[in-house]
Amino acid sequence: MVVIIGATGTIGSALLKRLVDLGMPVRALSREPEKLRDQIGDKGRSIIEVAAADASDPESLRRAFAGASQLFLAMSNSPRQIELETSIIQIAAESGIEHIVKISSPAFEKSSPVAVAGWHHEIEKTLCESGLTHTVLRPYAFMQNLLRFAPTITTQNVFFGSMGDSPCNFIDCRDIADVAAEVLTNREVSGQIYTLTGSEIFSYPQIASQLSALLNRPISYINLDPQVLHSNLIEHGHMPPWLANHVVEIQTMTTVVPEKPTDTVKRLLGREARSLDAFLHEYVENFR
């Protein structure tokens, strides 16, 4: 039995579909179980056990972990990340979980620190100290996050950032989910740390060019000073300050630490990672 924390998230929901296809026994956790049941549909309900649980409620986690051997851990980033995930790992160890697959972040860079990466770094230390078999997945930027640019692209034909023309790694969340399914079902590849990217790197100006061709109208990328971007994310994007800090820190790191793609997805899955071009074609209507 695999327990899924983060079943309603972009990666977790894709993982549920993959595990259903594989016929893997799954217990998906949610603070709103009825909402999750509606999300997974009729086919999923016949295979997926949905359980009510809250990361801040240890007793609900103990009930949810009972009889399970593996845990997929993908929580939304938050200032309570270290506290909550550390507690989850400890309770999982006490409850008989044998293998944890954790969604983390690219390795913490001292030359350009990203606070959230530091949080994940601390949680990974807890995993190492737990004595449990653990697999850490470190994905780079999610292609799905590009959909957040849709409002300004559809209304103003522009999107904003502070990465200049620095190339960035992108990966489709469905590839992350497929890798997670592989390490949950194949013990030969579990117990490792995997850095996950697509097979190519792209800058925001290059993405603007691709969107221009797809939409048959000019789309522009406007580069902002990091502090201006930070203010815009809070004022217009309604982000909490810690999340705005995170976005700016990631983009700043991209300009300081060169990125390059890995072949991890191909090595584990025997196929190329989904391409950014294919992703943009699939979701082009979101940008019209």
Protein backbone atom coordinates (compact mmCIF):
# COMPACT_ATOMS: atom_id res chain seq x y z
CA MET A 1 0.00 0.00 0.00
CA VAL A 2 1.24 3.46 -0.98
CA VAL A 3 0.05 6.49 0.97
CA ILE A 4 -0.07 9.75 -1.00
CA ILE A 5 0.32 13.11 0.72
CA GLY A 6 -0.30 15.83 -1.83
CA ALA A 7 -2.90 13.92 -3.83
CA THR A 8 -4.71 17.08 -4.96
CA GLY A 9 -1.53 18.76 -6.20
CA THR A 10 -0.28 18.84 -9.78
CA ILE A 11 2.22 16.03 -9.25
CA GLY A 12 0.12 14.03 -6.79
CA SER A 13 -2.98 13.97 -8.99
CA ALA A 14 -0.93 12.79 -11.97
CA LEU A 15 0.69 10.12 -9.78
CA LEU A 16 -2.72 8.85 -8.69
CA LYS A 17 -3.74 8.35 -12.31
CA ARG A 18 -0.50 6.50 -13.06
CA LEU A 19 -0.80 4.21 -10.03
CA VAL A 20 -4.43 3.46 -10.92
CA ASP A 21 -3.28 2.42 -14.40
CA LEU A 22 -0.69 0.15 -12.76
CA GLY A 23 -3.26 -1.35 -10.38
CA MET A 24 -1.23 -0.30 -7.34
CA PRO A 25 -3.08 -0.17 -3.99
CA VAL A 26 -3.22 3.50 -2.99
CA ARG A 27 -4.48 5.46 -0.01
CA ALA A 28 -4.80 9.17 -0.82
CA LEU A 29 -4.96 11.65 2.05
CA SER A 30 -6.87 14.91 2.13
CA ARG A 31 -8.29 17.36 4.61
CA GLU A 32 -11.32 17.42 2.28
CA PRO A 33 -11.87 13.75 1.36
CA GLU A 34 -15.18 14.30 -0.45
CA LYS A 35 -13.56 16.88 -2.72
CA LEU A 36 -10.78 14.42 -3.51
CA ARG A 37 -13.28 11.64 -4.26
CA ASP A 38 -14.97 13.93 -6.78
CA GLN A 39 -11.58 14.73 -8.34
CA ILE A 40 -10.49 11.13 -8.89
CA GLY A 41 -13.75 10.05 -10.55
CA ASP A 42 -15.48 6.68 -10.75
CA LYS A 43 -12.53 4.66 -12.05
CA GLY A 44 -10.25 5.98 -9.32
CA ARG A 45 -12.77 5.33 -6.55
CA SER A 46 -12.71 1.62 -7.28
CA ILE A 47 -8.94 1.43 -6.61
CA ILE A 48 -8.01 4.45 -4.50
CA GLU A 49 -8.83 4.53 -0.82
CA VAL A 50 -9.44 8.13 0.28
CA ALA A 51 -8.73 8.96 3.91
CA ALA A 52 -9.19 12.15 5.92
CA ALA A 53 -5.92 13.39 7.38
CA ASP A 54 -4.18 16.63 8.26
CA ALA A 55 -0.42 17.11 8.33
CA SER A 56 -0.75 19.04 11.60
CA ASP A 57 -2.80 16.25 13.25
CA PRO A 58 -0.48 13.38 14.28
CA GLU A 59 -3.33 11.02 15.20
CA SER A 60 -4.95 11.36 11.79
CA LEU A 61 -1.59 10.54 10.19
CA ARG A 62 -1.08 7.47 12.37
CA ARG A 63 -4.48 6.16 11.27
CA ALA A 64 -3.70 6.94 7.65
CA PHE A 65 -0.31 5.19 7.73
CA ALA A 66 -1.61 2.00 9.32
CA GLY A 67 -0.87 -1.04 7.16
CA ALA A 68 1.02 0.93 4.51
CA SER A 69 4.62 0.31 3.46
CA GLN A 70 5.38 3.35 1.28
CA LEU A 71 4.74 7.08 1.46
CA PHE A 72 4.78 9.69 -1.29
CA LEU A 73 5.36 13.11 0.25
CA ALA A 74 4.66 16.21 -1.84
CA MET A 75 3.43 19.10 0.28
CA SER A 76 2.89 22.63 -0.96
CA ASN A 77 5.73 24.88 0.11
CA SER A 78 4.99 26.94 3.21
CA PRO A 79 6.85 28.54 6.11
CA ARG A 80 5.83 25.47 8.19
CA GLN A 81 7.48 23.07 5.72
CA ILE A 82 10.27 21.88 8.02
CA GLU A 83 7.98 21.48 11.03
CA LEU A 84 5.25 19.58 9.19
CA GLU A 85 7.38 17.31 6.99
CA THR A 86 9.75 16.46 9.85
CA SER A 87 6.76 15.39 11.93
CA ILE A 88 5.33 13.37 9.04
CA ILE A 89 8.63 11.51 8.58
CA GLN A 90 8.88 10.71 12.28
CA ILE A 91 5.30 9.45 12.45
CA ALA A 92 5.81 7.41 9.28
CA ALA A 93 8.86 5.72 10.82
CA GLU A 94 6.91 4.93 13.99
CA SER A 95 3.98 3.58 11.94
CA GLY A 96 5.92 1.01 9.93
CA ILE A 97 6.42 2.91 6.67
CA GLU A 98 9.51 1.44 4.99
CA HIS A 99 10.10 3.74 2.01
CA ILE A 100 9.44 7.48 1.54
CA VAL A 101 9.53 9.23 -1.81
CA LYS A 102 9.91 12.95 -1.23
CA ILE A 103 9.50 15.80 -3.67
CA SER A 104 12.31 18.20 -2.84
CA SER A 105 14.01 21.03 -4.71
CA PRO A 106 17.25 21.38 -6.64
CA ALA A 107 20.28 21.34 -4.37
CA PHE A 108 20.76 24.34 -2.12
CA GLU A 109 23.30 26.77 -3.63
CA LYS A 110 25.37 28.83 -1.19
CA SER A 111 26.29 31.23 -4.00
CA SER A 112 22.64 32.19 -4.48
CA PRO A 113 20.55 30.85 -1.60
CA VAL A 114 16.90 30.02 -2.03
CA ALA A 115 15.14 29.83 1.34
CA VAL A 116 12.69 27.09 0.30
CA ALA A 117 15.58 24.96 -0.98
CA GLY A 118 17.14 25.37 2.45
CA TRP A 119 13.95 24.08 4.04
CA HIS A 120 14.01 20.99 1.84
CA HIS A 121 17.70 20.52 2.63
CA GLU A 122 16.85 20.33 6.34
CA ILE A 123 14.01 17.88 5.69
CA GLU A 124 16.33 15.67 3.64
CA LYS A 125 18.64 15.55 6.67
CA THR A 126 15.73 14.26 8.75
CA LEU A 127 15.06 11.59 6.12
CA CYS A 128 18.69 10.46 6.26
CA GLU A 129 18.58 10.30 10.05
CA SER A 130 15.28 8.36 10.06
CA GLY A 131 16.92 5.13 8.90
CA LEU A 132 14.13 4.63 6.36
CA THR A 133 14.78 3.86 2.73
CA HIS A 134 14.10 7.11 0.95
CA THR A 135 14.09 8.39 -2.60
CA VAL A 136 14.45 12.12 -3.16
CA LEU A 137 13.17 13.72 -6.36
CA ARG A 138 14.59 17.17 -7.10
CA PRO A 139 12.66 18.65 -10.01
CA TYR A 140 13.44 22.00 -11.59
CA ALA A 141 10.80 24.49 -12.81
CA PHE A 142 7.38 23.01 -13.56
CA MET A 143 6.08 23.59 -17.08
CA GLN A 144 2.62 23.84 -15.55
CA ASN A 145 3.70 27.01 -13.72
CA LEU A 146 3.94 28.76 -17.11
CA LEU A 147 0.14 28.73 -17.10
CA ARG A 148 0.35 31.43 -14.43
CA PHE A 149 1.43 33.81 -17.18
CA ALA A 150 -1.82 33.25 -19.07
CA PRO A 151 -3.76 36.24 -17.64
CA THR A 152 -1.27 38.87 -18.86
CA ILE A 153 -0.57 37.01 -22.10
CA THR A 154 -4.27 36.83 -22.98
CA THR A 155 -4.97 40.47 -22.07
CA GLN A 156 -1.68 42.28 -22.75
CA ASN A 157 0.41 39.88 -24.89
CA VAL A 158 3.22 40.04 -22.32
CA PHE A 159 4.60 38.19 -19.32
CA PHE A 160 7.09 39.30 -16.71
CA GLY A 161 10.10 37.97 -14.83
CA SER A 162 13.62 38.84 -13.76
CA MET A 163 15.69 36.08 -15.39
CA GLY A 164 16.93 38.13 -18.33
CA ASP A 165 17.91 35.76 -21.12
CA SER A 166 19.28 33.06 -18.78
CA PRO A 167 18.21 29.56 -19.86
CA CYS A 168 16.19 27.56 -17.36
CA ASN A 169 15.39 23.88 -16.87
CA PHE A 170 11.72 22.99 -17.19
CA ILE A 171 9.94 19.68 -16.57
CA ASP A 172 6.36 18.54 -17.04
CA CYS A 173 4.81 17.53 -13.71
CA ARG A 174 3.50 14.38 -15.37
CA ASP A 175 7.09 13.26 -15.92
CA ILE A 176 7.80 13.83 -12.24
CA ALA A 177 4.75 11.71 -11.41
CA ASP A 178 5.87 8.96 -13.80
CA VAL A 179 9.31 8.89 -12.16
CA ALA A 180 7.64 8.73 -8.73
CA ALA A 181 5.54 5.77 -9.89
CA GLU A 182 8.68 4.06 -11.15
CA VAL A 183 10.57 4.39 -7.87
CA LEU A 184 7.49 3.29 -5.92
CA THR A 185 7.08 0.13 -7.99
CA ASN A 186 10.68 -0.78 -8.81
CA ARG A 187 12.93 -1.37 -5.82
CA GLU A 188 16.00 -1.52 -8.03
CA VAL A 189 15.83 2.25 -8.62
CA SER A 190 14.61 3.37 -5.18
CA GLY A 191 16.77 4.76 -2.43
CA GLN A 192 18.50 7.36 -4.61
CA ILE A 193 18.51 11.12 -5.20
CA TYR A 194 17.32 12.12 -8.68
CA THR A 195 17.56 15.58 -10.23
CA LEU A 196 14.76 15.92 -12.77
CA THR A 197 14.59 18.19 -15.80
CA GLY A 198 13.31 18.11 -19.32
CA SER A 199 15.73 17.36 -22.13
CA GLU A 200 16.22 21.02 -23.14
CA ILE A 201 16.69 24.41 -21.48
CA PHE A 202 14.81 27.56 -22.47
CA SER A 203 14.97 31.24 -21.63
CA TYR A 204 11.86 33.36 -21.18
CA PRO A 205 12.58 35.26 -24.45
CA GLN A 206 12.69 31.90 -26.26
CA ILE A 207 9.37 30.91 -24.69
CA ALA A 208 7.91 34.24 -25.82
CA SER A 209 9.03 33.44 -29.37
CA GLN A 210 7.45 29.99 -29.24
CA LEU A 211 4.18 31.42 -27.96
CA SER A 212 4.25 34.11 -30.66
CA ALA A 213 4.49 31.43 -33.35
CA LEU A 214 1.78 29.29 -31.77
CA LEU A 215 -0.66 32.14 -31.20
CA ASN A 216 0.14 33.96 -34.45
CA ARG A 217 0.58 37.26 -32.61
CA PRO A 218 3.61 38.87 -30.93
CA ILE A 219 4.14 37.86 -27.29
CA SER A 220 6.79 39.76 -25.34
CA TYR A 221 8.79 38.95 -22.26
CA ILE A 222 9.49 42.00 -20.10
CA ASN A 223 12.44 41.71 -17.74
CA LEU A 224 12.02 43.49 -14.42
CA ASP A 225 14.35 44.43 -11.64
CA PRO A 226 13.99 41.74 -8.93
CA GLN A 227 12.59 44.22 -6.41
CA VAL A 228 10.02 45.47 -8.93
CA LEU A 229 9.00 41.87 -9.68
CA HIS A 230 8.73 41.19 -5.94
CA SER A 231 6.39 44.16 -5.47
CA ASN A 232 4.28 43.18 -8.49
CA LEU A 233 3.88 39.60 -7.27
CA ILE A 234 2.54 40.84 -3.95
CA GLU A 235 0.42 43.69 -5.29
CA HIS A 236 -0.95 42.18 -8.50
CA GLY A 237 -0.32 38.47 -7.98
CA HIS A 238 -1.64 38.57 -4.40
CA MET A 239 1.24 36.36 -3.23
CA PRO A 240 2.25 36.24 0.43
CA PRO A 241 5.67 37.86 0.92
CA TRP A 242 7.46 34.54 1.55
CA LEU A 243 6.21 33.15 -1.77
CA ALA A 244 7.13 36.32 -3.67
CA ASN A 245 10.59 36.03 -2.09
CA HIS A 246 10.80 32.43 -3.33
CA VAL A 247 9.92 33.30 -6.92
CA VAL A 248 12.46 36.13 -7.01
CA GLU A 249 15.15 33.99 -5.35
CA ILE A 250 14.68 31.20 -7.90
CA GLN A 251 14.91 33.61 -10.83
CA THR A 252 17.97 35.30 -9.34
CA MET A 253 19.64 31.91 -8.86
CA THR A 254 19.01 31.09 -12.53
CA THR A 255 21.02 34.16 -13.56
CA VAL A 256 23.91 33.24 -11.22
CA VAL A 257 24.10 29.44 -11.40
CA PRO A 258 24.08 28.06 -14.97
CA GLU A 259 21.50 25.33 -15.53
CA LYS A 260 21.78 22.29 -17.78
CA PRO A 261 19.41 19.41 -18.46
CA THR A 262 19.81 15.89 -17.11
CA ASP A 263 18.94 12.57 -18.75
CA THR A 264 17.39 11.15 -15.57
CA VAL A 265 13.86 10.84 -16.96
CA LYS A 266 15.11 8.93 -20.00
CA ARG A 267 17.31 6.64 -17.89
CA LEU A 268 14.49 5.75 -15.50
CA LEU A 269 11.56 5.61 -17.90
CA GLY A 270 13.21 4.56 -21.15
CA ARG A 271 11.79 7.54 -23.03
CA GLU A 272 12.53 11.20 -23.47
CA ALA A 273 10.97 13.70 -21.08
CA ARG A 274 7.97 15.57 -22.44
CA SER A 275 9.09 18.59 -24.43
CA LEU A 276 8.21 22.21 -23.74
CA ASP A 277 7.04 22.53 -27.35
CA ALA A 278 4.56 19.68 -26.84
CA PHE A 279 3.37 21.21 -23.56
CA LEU A 280 2.74 24.62 -25.13
CA HIS A 281 0.86 23.01 -28.03
CA GLU A 282 -1.28 21.04 -25.59
CA TYR A 283 -2.19 24.10 -23.51
CA VAL A 284 -2.18 26.76 -26.23
CA GLU A 285 -5.87 27.58 -25.70
CA ASN A 286 -5.04 28.84 -22.20
CA PHE A 287 -2.97 31.63 -23.76
CA ARG A 288 -5.38 32.77 -26.51
